[in-house]
Amino acid sequence: MKTFEDSLERIPSDWKPFLIKYKTLKICIKKIVQELNVKGLLQIMADKNQRIEYSLECYKPECTFEDGPVHVRTCIKVCPSCYGQTSKECLYVKKYDSSSSSPLNLPKDDNMALTPLADYETHHMEKSLSHVSRIEPEADGVFFVTLLKEIYQLNCLQEQNQDKFLTNLQEIQQMLIEVTSPFKKDIYTWRNIFQIYMEYKIFVGNTESDREERSWEFAQSQLTCFIDRINNSRLIKKLNHPLSKIAYENLVKLNISLVLMKKFQYFNQLTTTKLIKKHDKKTSLVKLGHLSDEFLGPLLPNRSSQKTKRR
């Protein structure tokens, strides 16, 4: 991620606290693996005969991203049909009624996590077959709550930047209305400036068949070319009204800010994607279930919303 950090040198300093904390969340993933191992869940997931479901649940469904960071917890469900049917031995997982909403505690003793089925009370096991073993890994919950909180903060920053952008755009618009009236010569120079601007298609194409949004690298390159061409053409020197030069400078600053916003968004999305992939690789949990688009959709738009099961 060093290239990632180097690429953000030009990001405004007041934006940097809103970057997804890659190193912090990577440490969370290590703690998840440790917890899964201590509680014997890695062994369970390694057994292809086990039937496991993994999901991300909202325990305050009335709350949304608009209200604040969403309240979520992760859940691993081990279906009862796996016990005692394919093996003489079975990993110990404390049983809970699936309808219960109380906190779930697993044995903390490492030896307890690998108790043979023969040593577990058979009659108790039979009684619990009607229930689903429901485990809520604490470290996994911390990981997603932290990640979703940072996504929420990013959304707040995006709204603030959007408000600033609209305010600056309106100021430029008022300046242009004044300097491009039919009775002022600057109107012709401004027509040339905007014609050149449209030619470079900095953020999006000009036709219906070319509306695909440009990457931040493309936008940055095209904006640089546009500025160089305007400077070489000496069009700015032809502007007579004092407000015209101010309006052009503000227009350039606005476009630079937009490119930085795209860059900032891209790298946060890249960080989130890398973290989810690392979480999946180290824990194998994500491939067992789904991460709701409602929670991760803003940064992971292509993630499937379908829950999968491994049998």
C-alpha atoms as a PDB file:
ATOM      1  CA  MET A   1       0.000   0.000   0.000  1.00  0.00           C
ATOM      2  CA  LYS A   2       3.066   2.306  -0.191  1.00  0.00           C
ATOM      3  CA  THR A   3       2.126   3.334  -3.744  1.00  0.00           C
ATOM      4  CA  PHE A   4      -1.322   4.155  -2.389  1.00  0.00           C
ATOM      5  CA  GLU A   5       0.127   6.455   0.294  1.00  0.00           C
ATOM      6  CA  ASP A   6       2.497   8.142  -2.163  1.00  0.00           C
ATOM      7  CA  SER A   7      -0.382   8.838  -4.556  1.00  0.00           C
ATOM      8  CA  LEU A   8      -2.262  10.814  -1.903  1.00  0.00           C
ATOM      9  CA  GLU A   9       0.371  13.494  -1.309  1.00  0.00           C
ATOM     10  CA  ARG A  10      -1.730  16.161  -3.037  1.00  0.00           C
ATOM     11  CA  ILE A  11      -4.912  15.267  -1.182  1.00  0.00           C
ATOM     12  CA  PRO A  12      -6.037  18.200   1.033  1.00  0.00           C
ATOM     13  CA  SER A  13      -4.857  17.738   4.609  1.00  0.00           C
ATOM     14  CA  ASP A  14      -8.407  18.100   5.977  1.00  0.00           C
ATOM     15  CA  TRP A  15      -9.465  15.063   3.901  1.00  0.00           C
ATOM     16  CA  LYS A  16      -6.737  12.708   5.141  1.00  0.00           C
ATOM     17  CA  PRO A  17      -8.442  11.858   8.477  1.00  0.00           C
ATOM     18  CA  PHE A  18     -11.281  10.408   6.375  1.00  0.00           C
ATOM     19  CA  LEU A  19      -9.091   7.868   4.591  1.00  0.00           C
ATOM     20  CA  ILE A  20     -10.000   4.228   5.248  1.00  0.00           C
ATOM     21  CA  LYS A  21      -7.556   3.042   7.947  1.00  0.00           C
ATOM     22  CA  TYR A  22      -5.922   0.169   6.082  1.00  0.00           C
ATOM     23  CA  LYS A  23      -3.299  -0.731   8.704  1.00  0.00           C
ATOM     24  CA  THR A  24      -5.778  -0.627  11.589  1.00  0.00           C
ATOM     25  CA  LEU A  25      -8.287  -2.836   9.794  1.00  0.00           C
ATOM     26  CA  LYS A  26      -5.554  -5.242   8.677  1.00  0.00           C
ATOM     27  CA  ILE A  27      -4.727  -5.782  12.365  1.00  0.00           C
ATOM     28  CA  CYS A  28      -8.440  -6.476  12.953  1.00  0.00           C
ATOM     29  CA  ILE A  29      -8.277  -9.261  10.358  1.00  0.00           C
ATOM     30  CA  LYS A  30      -5.392 -10.912  12.233  1.00  0.00           C
ATOM     31  CA  LYS A  31      -7.477 -10.829  15.413  1.00  0.00           C
ATOM     32  CA  ILE A  32     -10.408 -12.419  13.546  1.00  0.00           C
ATOM     33  CA  VAL A  33      -8.208 -15.336  12.458  1.00  0.00           C
ATOM     34  CA  GLN A  34      -6.935 -15.765  16.012  1.00  0.00           C
ATOM     35  CA  GLU A  35     -10.480 -15.812  17.399  1.00  0.00           C
ATOM     36  CA  LEU A  36     -11.700 -18.297  14.784  1.00  0.00           C
ATOM     37  CA  ASN A  37      -8.777 -20.567  15.599  1.00  0.00           C
ATOM     38  CA  VAL A  38      -9.247 -20.356  19.385  1.00  0.00           C
ATOM     39  CA  LYS A  39     -12.949 -21.174  19.076  1.00  0.00           C
ATOM     40  CA  GLY A  40     -12.363 -24.071  16.699  1.00  0.00           C
ATOM     41  CA  LEU A  41     -14.229 -22.444  13.827  1.00  0.00           C
ATOM     42  CA  LEU A  42     -11.369 -22.754  11.343  1.00  0.00           C
ATOM     43  CA  GLN A  43     -11.507 -26.531  11.759  1.00  0.00           C
ATOM     44  CA  ILE A  44     -15.258 -26.539  11.281  1.00  0.00           C
ATOM     45  CA  MET A  45     -15.036 -24.488   8.088  1.00  0.00           C
ATOM     46  CA  ALA A  46     -12.286 -26.749   6.750  1.00  0.00           C
ATOM     47  CA  ASP A  47     -14.662 -29.732   6.947  1.00  0.00           C
ATOM     48  CA  LYS A  48     -16.553 -29.946   3.637  1.00  0.00           C
ATOM     49  CA  ASN A  49     -19.269 -31.988   5.313  1.00  0.00           C
ATOM     50  CA  GLN A  50     -20.246 -29.073   7.530  1.00  0.00           C
ATOM     51  CA  ARG A  51     -23.126 -26.837   6.521  1.00  0.00           C
ATOM     52  CA  ILE A  52     -22.300 -23.223   7.348  1.00  0.00           C
ATOM     53  CA  GLU A  53     -23.927 -19.853   6.710  1.00  0.00           C
ATOM     54  CA  TYR A  54     -22.231 -16.496   7.175  1.00  0.00           C
ATOM     55  CA  SER A  55     -24.042 -13.168   7.100  1.00  0.00           C
ATOM     56  CA  LEU A  56     -23.880  -9.525   8.059  1.00  0.00           C
ATOM     57  CA  GLU A  57     -26.959  -8.513  10.017  1.00  0.00           C
ATOM     58  CA  CYS A  58     -28.381  -5.177  11.091  1.00  0.00           C
ATOM     59  CA  TYR A  59     -29.634  -5.383  14.670  1.00  0.00           C
ATOM     60  CA  LYS A  60     -31.198  -1.914  14.531  1.00  0.00           C
ATOM     61  CA  PRO A  61     -33.063  -2.101  11.209  1.00  0.00           C
ATOM     62  CA  GLU A  62     -34.738   1.250  11.829  1.00  0.00           C
ATOM     63  CA  CYS A  63     -31.335   2.952  11.491  1.00  0.00           C
ATOM     64  CA  THR A  64     -29.854   3.791   8.089  1.00  0.00           C
ATOM     65  CA  PHE A  65     -26.688   5.456   6.784  1.00  0.00           C
ATOM     66  CA  GLU A  66     -28.559   8.773   6.881  1.00  0.00           C
ATOM     67  CA  ASP A  67     -29.041   8.404  10.655  1.00  0.00           C
ATOM     68  CA  GLY A  68     -25.435   7.505  11.383  1.00  0.00           C
ATOM     69  CA  PRO A  69     -23.111   4.498  11.265  1.00  0.00           C
ATOM     70  CA  VAL A  70     -25.269   1.404  10.828  1.00  0.00           C
ATOM     71  CA  HIS A  71     -25.523  -1.105  13.683  1.00  0.00           C
ATOM     72  CA  VAL A  72     -24.317  -4.440  12.372  1.00  0.00           C
ATOM     73  CA  ARG A  73     -22.955  -7.726  13.596  1.00  0.00           C
ATOM     74  CA  THR A  74     -21.614 -10.744  11.776  1.00  0.00           C
ATOM     75  CA  CYS A  75     -23.075 -14.170  12.340  1.00  0.00           C
ATOM     76  CA  ILE A  76     -21.889 -17.714  11.618  1.00  0.00           C
ATOM     77  CA  LYS A  77     -24.596 -20.373  11.649  1.00  0.00           C
ATOM     78  CA  VAL A  78     -23.635 -24.032  11.834  1.00  0.00           C
ATOM     79  CA  CYS A  79     -26.645 -26.145  10.875  1.00  0.00           C
ATOM     80  CA  PRO A  80     -27.476 -29.028  13.253  1.00  0.00           C
ATOM     81  CA  SER A  81     -27.553 -31.732  10.578  1.00  0.00           C
ATOM     82  CA  CYS A  82     -23.765 -31.829  10.535  1.00  0.00           C
ATOM     83  CA  TYR A  83     -23.396 -33.244  14.026  1.00  0.00           C
ATOM     84  CA  GLY A  84     -22.891 -36.946  14.532  1.00  0.00           C
ATOM     85  CA  GLN A  85     -23.873 -37.921  11.000  1.00  0.00           C
ATOM     86  CA  THR A  86     -20.596 -38.036   9.117  1.00  0.00           C
ATOM     87  CA  SER A  87     -17.964 -38.451  11.798  1.00  0.00           C
ATOM     88  CA  LYS A  88     -17.336 -40.053  15.176  1.00  0.00           C
ATOM     89  CA  GLU A  89     -15.850 -36.795  16.302  1.00  0.00           C
ATOM     90  CA  CYS A  90     -17.312 -33.310  16.162  1.00  0.00           C
ATOM     91  CA  LEU A  91     -15.933 -29.938  17.170  1.00  0.00           C
ATOM     92  CA  TYR A  92     -17.601 -28.529  20.245  1.00  0.00           C
ATOM     93  CA  VAL A  93     -19.812 -25.517  19.522  1.00  0.00           C
ATOM     94  CA  LYS A  94     -22.079 -24.350  22.298  1.00  0.00           C
ATOM     95  CA  LYS A  95     -25.746 -24.589  21.324  1.00  0.00           C
ATOM     96  CA  TYR A  96     -28.185 -21.731  21.324  1.00  0.00           C
ATOM     97  CA  ASP A  97     -31.784 -21.405  20.298  1.00  0.00           C
ATOM     98  CA  SER A  98     -31.805 -19.590  16.949  1.00  0.00           C
ATOM     99  CA  SER A  99     -34.653 -17.398  18.186  1.00  0.00           C
ATOM    100  CA  SER A 100     -32.597 -16.063  21.072  1.00  0.00           C
ATOM    101  CA  SER A 101     -31.281 -12.537  20.819  1.00  0.00           C
ATOM    102  CA  SER A 102     -28.990 -12.764  23.832  1.00  0.00           C
ATOM    103  CA  PRO A 103     -25.199 -12.419  23.459  1.00  0.00           C
ATOM    104  CA  LEU A 104     -23.422 -15.613  22.497  1.00  0.00           C
ATOM    105  CA  ASN A 105     -20.390 -16.900  24.383  1.00  0.00           C
ATOM    106  CA  LEU A 106     -18.160 -19.686  23.213  1.00  0.00           C
ATOM    107  CA  PRO A 107     -15.755 -21.684  25.398  1.00  0.00           C
ATOM    108  CA  LYS A 108     -12.512 -19.813  25.994  1.00  0.00           C
ATOM    109  CA  ASP A 109     -10.534 -22.964  26.764  1.00  0.00           C
ATOM    110  CA  ASP A 110      -8.589 -24.085  23.677  1.00  0.00           C
ATOM    111  CA  ASN A 111      -8.997 -27.750  24.646  1.00  0.00           C
ATOM    112  CA  MET A 112     -12.740 -27.306  24.944  1.00  0.00           C
ATOM    113  CA  ALA A 113     -12.918 -26.153  21.331  1.00  0.00           C
ATOM    114  CA  LEU A 114     -11.857 -29.620  20.175  1.00  0.00           C
ATOM    115  CA  THR A 115     -13.932 -31.835  22.486  1.00  0.00           C
ATOM    116  CA  PRO A 116     -14.777 -35.237  20.886  1.00  0.00           C
ATOM    117  CA  LEU A 117     -18.445 -35.959  20.366  1.00  0.00           C
ATOM    118  CA  ALA A 118     -18.134 -39.054  22.605  1.00  0.00           C
ATOM    119  CA  ASP A 119     -17.196 -36.807  25.529  1.00  0.00           C
ATOM    120  CA  TYR A 120     -20.189 -34.552  24.979  1.00  0.00           C
ATOM    121  CA  GLU A 121     -23.502 -35.548  26.540  1.00  0.00           C
ATOM    122  CA  THR A 122     -25.337 -37.462  23.819  1.00  0.00           C
ATOM    123  CA  HIS A 123     -28.795 -36.717  25.138  1.00  0.00           C
ATOM    124  CA  HIS A 124     -27.997 -32.998  25.264  1.00  0.00           C
ATOM    125  CA  MET A 125     -26.737 -33.120  21.681  1.00  0.00           C
ATOM    126  CA  GLU A 126     -29.919 -34.846  20.535  1.00  0.00           C
ATOM    127  CA  LYS A 127     -32.070 -32.250  22.250  1.00  0.00           C
ATOM    128  CA  SER A 128     -30.167 -29.449  20.559  1.00  0.00           C
ATOM    129  CA  LEU A 129     -30.472 -30.853  17.032  1.00  0.00           C
ATOM    130  CA  SER A 130     -33.590 -28.733  16.513  1.00  0.00           C
ATOM    131  CA  HIS A 131     -31.548 -25.610  17.093  1.00  0.00           C
ATOM    132  CA  VAL A 132     -28.951 -23.822  14.986  1.00  0.00           C
ATOM    133  CA  SER A 133     -25.511 -23.120  16.395  1.00  0.00           C
ATOM    134  CA  ARG A 134     -25.214 -19.366  16.097  1.00  0.00           C
ATOM    135  CA  ILE A 135     -21.839 -17.735  16.644  1.00  0.00           C
ATOM    136  CA  GLU A 136     -21.109 -14.016  16.529  1.00  0.00           C
ATOM    137  CA  PRO A 137     -17.320 -13.526  16.271  1.00  0.00           C
ATOM    138  CA  GLU A 138     -16.405 -10.458  18.294  1.00  0.00           C
ATOM    139  CA  ALA A 139     -13.331  -9.462  16.261  1.00  0.00           C
ATOM    140  CA  ASP A 140     -15.229  -9.871  12.978  1.00  0.00           C
ATOM    141  CA  GLY A 141     -17.957  -7.582  14.276  1.00  0.00           C
ATOM    142  CA  VAL A 142     -15.380  -4.965  15.276  1.00  0.00           C
ATOM    143  CA  PHE A 143     -13.868  -5.123  11.777  1.00  0.00           C
ATOM    144  CA  PHE A 144     -17.131  -4.409   9.958  1.00  0.00           C
ATOM    145  CA  VAL A 145     -18.429  -1.858  12.469  1.00  0.00           C
ATOM    146  CA  THR A 146     -15.137   0.058  12.116  1.00  0.00           C
ATOM    147  CA  LEU A 147     -15.203  -0.184   8.323  1.00  0.00           C
ATOM    148  CA  LEU A 148     -18.841   0.904   8.053  1.00  0.00           C
ATOM    149  CA  LYS A 149     -18.255   3.798  10.433  1.00  0.00           C
ATOM    150  CA  GLU A 150     -15.448   5.047   8.192  1.00  0.00           C
ATOM    151  CA  ILE A 151     -17.659   4.658   5.122  1.00  0.00           C
ATOM    152  CA  TYR A 152     -20.315   6.726   6.874  1.00  0.00           C
ATOM    153  CA  GLN A 153     -17.743   9.435   7.640  1.00  0.00           C
ATOM    154  CA  LEU A 154     -16.711   9.400   3.982  1.00  0.00           C
ATOM    155  CA  ASN A 155     -20.325   9.937   2.958  1.00  0.00           C
ATOM    156  CA  CYS A 156     -20.500  12.918   5.313  1.00  0.00           C
ATOM    157  CA  LEU A 157     -17.328  14.375   3.790  1.00  0.00           C
ATOM    158  CA  GLN A 158     -18.730  13.820   0.303  1.00  0.00           C
ATOM    159  CA  GLU A 159     -21.875  15.753   1.212  1.00  0.00           C
ATOM    160  CA  GLN A 160     -19.776  18.625   2.604  1.00  0.00           C
ATOM    161  CA  ASN A 161     -17.651  18.721  -0.557  1.00  0.00           C
ATOM    162  CA  GLN A 162     -20.761  18.625  -2.714  1.00  0.00           C
ATOM    163  CA  ASP A 163     -22.191  21.650  -0.898  1.00  0.00           C
ATOM    164  CA  LYS A 164     -18.908  23.558  -1.338  1.00  0.00           C
ATOM    165  CA  PHE A 165     -18.776  22.578  -5.004  1.00  0.00           C
ATOM    166  CA  LEU A 166     -22.300  23.853  -5.676  1.00  0.00           C
ATOM    167  CA  THR A 167     -21.559  27.114  -3.862  1.00  0.00           C
ATOM    168  CA  ASN A 168     -18.363  27.684  -5.885  1.00  0.00           C
ATOM    169  CA  LEU A 169     -20.143  26.759  -9.105  1.00  0.00           C
ATOM    170  CA  GLN A 170     -22.886  29.289  -8.436  1.00  0.00           C
ATOM    171  CA  GLU A 171     -20.267  31.998  -7.795  1.00  0.00           C
ATOM    172  CA  ILE A 172     -18.557  31.224 -11.109  1.00  0.00           C
ATOM    173  CA  GLN A 173     -21.928  31.202 -12.844  1.00  0.00           C
ATOM    174  CA  GLN A 174     -22.759  34.684 -11.530  1.00  0.00           C
ATOM    175  CA  MET A 175     -19.385  36.001 -12.697  1.00  0.00           C
ATOM    176  CA  LEU A 176     -19.876  34.543 -16.168  1.00  0.00           C
ATOM    177  CA  ILE A 177     -23.342  36.039 -16.454  1.00  0.00           C
ATOM    178  CA  GLU A 178     -21.817  39.454 -15.851  1.00  0.00           C
ATOM    179  CA  VAL A 179     -18.742  39.164 -18.099  1.00  0.00           C
ATOM    180  CA  THR A 180     -20.409  37.394 -21.046  1.00  0.00           C
ATOM    181  CA  SER A 181     -23.310  39.740 -21.675  1.00  0.00           C
ATOM    182  CA  PRO A 182     -23.915  40.504 -25.386  1.00  0.00           C
ATOM    183  CA  PHE A 183     -22.551  44.018 -24.850  1.00  0.00           C
ATOM    184  CA  LYS A 184     -19.133  42.863 -23.654  1.00  0.00           C
ATOM    185  CA  LYS A 185     -16.334  41.520 -25.853  1.00  0.00           C
ATOM    186  CA  ASP A 186     -15.305  38.756 -23.444  1.00  0.00           C
ATOM    187  CA  ILE A 187     -18.240  36.625 -24.589  1.00  0.00           C
ATOM    188  CA  TYR A 188     -16.337  35.523 -27.707  1.00  0.00           C
ATOM    189  CA  THR A 189     -13.195  34.603 -25.773  1.00  0.00           C
ATOM    190  CA  TRP A 190     -15.256  32.592 -23.290  1.00  0.00           C
ATOM    191  CA  ARG A 191     -16.931  30.736 -26.140  1.00  0.00           C
ATOM    192  CA  ASN A 192     -13.500  29.639 -27.338  1.00  0.00           C
ATOM    193  CA  ILE A 193     -12.439  28.608 -23.821  1.00  0.00           C
ATOM    194  CA  PHE A 194     -15.529  26.444 -23.305  1.00  0.00           C
ATOM    195  CA  GLN A 195     -15.275  24.974 -26.784  1.00  0.00           C
ATOM    196  CA  ILE A 196     -11.735  23.795 -25.988  1.00  0.00           C
ATOM    197  CA  TYR A 197     -12.875  22.548 -22.579  1.00  0.00           C
ATOM    198  CA  MET A 198     -15.584  20.392 -24.162  1.00  0.00           C
ATOM    199  CA  GLU A 199     -13.106  18.929 -26.651  1.00  0.00           C
ATOM    200  CA  TYR A 200     -11.058  17.354 -23.858  1.00  0.00           C
ATOM    201  CA  LYS A 201     -14.058  15.492 -22.326  1.00  0.00           C
ATOM    202  CA  ILE A 202     -12.375  15.667 -18.943  1.00  0.00           C
ATOM    203  CA  PHE A 203     -15.017  13.951 -16.820  1.00  0.00           C
ATOM    204  CA  VAL A 204     -17.532  12.572 -19.299  1.00  0.00           C
ATOM    205  CA  GLY A 205     -18.174  12.415 -23.043  1.00  0.00           C
ATOM    206  CA  ASN A 206     -20.271  14.909 -24.965  1.00  0.00           C
ATOM    207  CA  THR A 207     -22.573  12.461 -26.752  1.00  0.00           C
ATOM    208  CA  GLU A 208     -25.226  10.007 -25.578  1.00  0.00           C
ATOM    209  CA  SER A 209     -23.095   7.104 -26.777  1.00  0.00           C
ATOM    210  CA  ASP A 210     -20.116   8.343 -24.757  1.00  0.00           C
ATOM    211  CA  ARG A 211     -21.453   9.003 -21.267  1.00  0.00           C
ATOM    212  CA  GLU A 212     -19.097   6.676 -19.442  1.00  0.00           C
ATOM    213  CA  GLU A 213     -17.451   8.355 -16.486  1.00  0.00           C
ATOM    214  CA  ARG A 214     -13.702   8.880 -16.838  1.00  0.00           C
ATOM    215  CA  SER A 215     -11.111   7.599 -14.361  1.00  0.00           C
ATOM    216  CA  TRP A 216      -9.273  10.082 -12.186  1.00  0.00           C
ATOM    217  CA  GLU A 217      -6.019   9.419 -14.114  1.00  0.00           C
ATOM    218  CA  PHE A 218      -7.701  10.254 -17.430  1.00  0.00           C
ATOM    219  CA  ALA A 219      -9.429  13.319 -15.969  1.00  0.00           C
ATOM    220  CA  GLN A 220      -6.171  14.589 -14.478  1.00  0.00           C
ATOM    221  CA  SER A 221      -4.300  14.109 -17.756  1.00  0.00           C
ATOM    222  CA  GLN A 222      -6.996  15.810 -19.834  1.00  0.00           C
ATOM    223  CA  LEU A 223      -7.308  18.716 -17.416  1.00  0.00           C
ATOM    224  CA  THR A 224      -3.558  19.301 -17.581  1.00  0.00           C
ATOM    225  CA  CYS A 225      -3.715  19.284 -21.392  1.00  0.00           C
ATOM    226  CA  PHE A 226      -6.629  21.736 -21.335  1.00  0.00           C
ATOM    227  CA  ILE A 227      -4.805  24.170 -19.028  1.00  0.00           C
ATOM    228  CA  ASP A 228      -1.610  23.990 -21.121  1.00  0.00           C
ATOM    229  CA  ARG A 229      -3.530  24.627 -24.326  1.00  0.00           C
ATOM    230  CA  ILE A 230      -5.336  27.642 -22.870  1.00  0.00           C
ATOM    231  CA  ASN A 231      -2.053  29.076 -21.604  1.00  0.00           C
ATOM    232  CA  ASN A 232      -0.350  28.551 -24.972  1.00  0.00           C
ATOM    233  CA  SER A 233      -3.257  30.078 -26.876  1.00  0.00           C
ATOM    234  CA  ARG A 234      -3.052  33.308 -24.866  1.00  0.00           C
ATOM    235  CA  LEU A 235      -6.838  33.438 -24.642  1.00  0.00           C
ATOM    236  CA  ILE A 236      -6.629  34.575 -21.031  1.00  0.00           C
ATOM    237  CA  LYS A 237      -4.746  37.717 -22.093  1.00  0.00           C
ATOM    238  CA  LYS A 238      -7.663  38.584 -24.364  1.00  0.00           C
ATOM    239  CA  LEU A 239     -10.053  38.752 -21.422  1.00  0.00           C
ATOM    240  CA  ASN A 240     -10.765  42.419 -20.650  1.00  0.00           C
ATOM    241  CA  HIS A 241     -13.133  42.308 -17.708  1.00  0.00           C
ATOM    242  CA  PRO A 242     -11.339  41.920 -14.313  1.00  0.00           C
ATOM    243  CA  LEU A 243     -13.905  39.330 -13.216  1.00  0.00           C
ATOM    244  CA  SER A 244     -13.167  37.182 -16.275  1.00  0.00           C
ATOM    245  CA  LYS A 245      -9.677  36.261 -15.106  1.00  0.00           C
ATOM    246  CA  ILE A 246     -10.963  35.559 -11.592  1.00  0.00           C
ATOM    247  CA  ALA A 247     -13.729  33.390 -13.042  1.00  0.00           C
ATOM    248  CA  TYR A 248     -11.214  31.389 -15.109  1.00  0.00           C
ATOM    249  CA  GLU A 249      -8.912  30.857 -12.117  1.00  0.00           C
ATOM    250  CA  ASN A 250     -11.864  29.671 -10.041  1.00  0.00           C
ATOM    251  CA  LEU A 251     -12.983  27.377 -12.860  1.00  0.00           C
ATOM    252  CA  VAL A 252      -9.557  25.740 -12.983  1.00  0.00           C
ATOM    253  CA  LYS A 253      -9.467  25.358  -9.190  1.00  0.00           C
ATOM    254  CA  LEU A 254     -12.916  23.797  -9.244  1.00  0.00           C
ATOM    255  CA  ASN A 255     -11.840  21.227 -11.847  1.00  0.00           C
ATOM    256  CA  ILE A 256      -8.671  20.414  -9.907  1.00  0.00           C
ATOM    257  CA  SER A 257     -10.791  19.829  -6.796  1.00  0.00           C
ATOM    258  CA  LEU A 258     -13.098  17.520  -8.744  1.00  0.00           C
ATOM    259  CA  VAL A 259     -10.134  15.442  -9.939  1.00  0.00           C
ATOM    260  CA  LEU A 260      -8.840  15.202  -6.363  1.00  0.00           C
ATOM    261  CA  MET A 261     -12.293  14.095  -5.189  1.00  0.00           C
ATOM    262  CA  LYS A 262     -12.335  11.344  -7.819  1.00  0.00           C
ATOM    263  CA  LYS A 263      -8.827  10.284  -6.811  1.00  0.00           C
ATOM    264  CA  PHE A 264      -9.757  10.276  -3.119  1.00  0.00           C
ATOM    265  CA  GLN A 265     -12.881   8.213  -3.797  1.00  0.00           C
ATOM    266  CA  TYR A 266     -10.984   5.752  -5.985  1.00  0.00           C
ATOM    267  CA  PHE A 267      -8.276   5.026  -3.406  1.00  0.00           C
ATOM    268  CA  ASN A 268     -10.789   4.596  -0.599  1.00  0.00           C
ATOM    269  CA  GLN A 269     -12.703   2.166  -2.788  1.00  0.00           C
ATOM    270  CA  LEU A 270      -9.455   0.366  -3.622  1.00  0.00           C
ATOM    271  CA  THR A 271      -8.540   0.158   0.074  1.00  0.00           C
ATOM    272  CA  THR A 272     -11.958  -1.253   0.977  1.00  0.00           C
ATOM    273  CA  THR A 273     -11.784  -3.826  -1.820  1.00  0.00           C
ATOM    274  CA  LYS A 274      -8.299  -4.918  -0.711  1.00  0.00           C
ATOM    275  CA  LEU A 275      -9.465  -5.259   2.885  1.00  0.00           C
ATOM    276  CA  ILE A 276     -12.494  -7.369   1.932  1.00  0.00           C
ATOM    277  CA  LYS A 277     -10.308  -9.601  -0.243  1.00  0.00           C
ATOM    278  CA  LYS A 278      -7.757  -9.972   2.544  1.00  0.00           C
ATOM    279  CA  HIS A 279     -10.566 -10.731   5.003  1.00  0.00           C
ATOM    280  CA  ASP A 280     -11.875 -13.374   2.607  1.00  0.00           C
ATOM    281  CA  LYS A 281      -8.439 -14.891   1.981  1.00  0.00           C
ATOM    282  CA  LYS A 282      -7.451 -15.087   5.652  1.00  0.00           C
ATOM    283  CA  THR A 283     -10.807 -16.136   7.136  1.00  0.00           C
ATOM    284  CA  SER A 284     -12.725 -17.735   4.202  1.00  0.00           C
ATOM    285  CA  LEU A 285     -15.861 -16.206   5.742  1.00  0.00           C
ATOM    286  CA  VAL A 286     -16.975 -13.884   2.945  1.00  0.00           C
ATOM    287  CA  LYS A 287     -17.191 -16.709   0.409  1.00  0.00           C
ATOM    288  CA  LEU A 288     -19.558 -18.510   2.793  1.00  0.00           C
ATOM    289  CA  GLY A 289     -22.128 -15.753   2.843  1.00  0.00           C
ATOM    290  CA  HIS A 290     -22.921 -12.287   1.581  1.00  0.00           C
ATOM    291  CA  LEU A 291     -22.178  -8.695   2.465  1.00  0.00           C
ATOM    292  CA  SER A 292     -25.316  -6.664   2.023  1.00  0.00           C
ATOM    293  CA  ASP A 293     -25.312  -4.013  -0.710  1.00  0.00           C
ATOM    294  CA  GLU A 294     -27.175  -1.838   1.776  1.00  0.00           C
ATOM    295  CA  PHE A 295     -23.992  -1.593   3.853  1.00  0.00           C
ATOM    296  CA  LEU A 296     -21.098  -1.902   1.396  1.00  0.00           C
ATOM    297  CA  GLY A 297     -22.817  -0.906  -1.829  1.00  0.00           C
ATOM    298  CA  PRO A 298     -21.352   2.639  -1.970  1.00  0.00           C
ATOM    299  CA  LEU A 299     -17.789   1.290  -2.144  1.00  0.00           C
ATOM    300  CA  LEU A 300     -18.346  -2.232  -3.459  1.00  0.00           C
ATOM    301  CA  PRO A 301     -21.120  -1.848  -6.075  1.00  0.00           C
ATOM    302  CA  ASN A 302     -20.399  -5.160  -7.786  1.00  0.00           C
ATOM    303  CA  ARG A 303     -20.663  -7.378  -4.731  1.00  0.00           C
ATOM    304  CA  SER A 304     -23.287 -10.035  -5.037  1.00  0.00           C
ATOM    305  CA  SER A 305     -26.244  -9.744  -2.721  1.00  0.00           C
ATOM    306  CA  GLN A 306     -27.026 -13.437  -2.907  1.00  0.00           C
ATOM    307  CA  LYS A 307     -26.270 -15.572   0.125  1.00  0.00           C
ATOM    308  CA  THR A 308     -24.491 -18.800  -0.605  1.00  0.00           C
ATOM    309  CA  LYS A 309     -24.228 -21.984   1.427  1.00  0.00           C
ATOM    310  CA  ARG A 310     -21.529 -24.578   1.568  1.00  0.00           C
ATOM    311  CA  ARG A 311     -22.645 -28.158   1.987  1.00  0.00           C
END
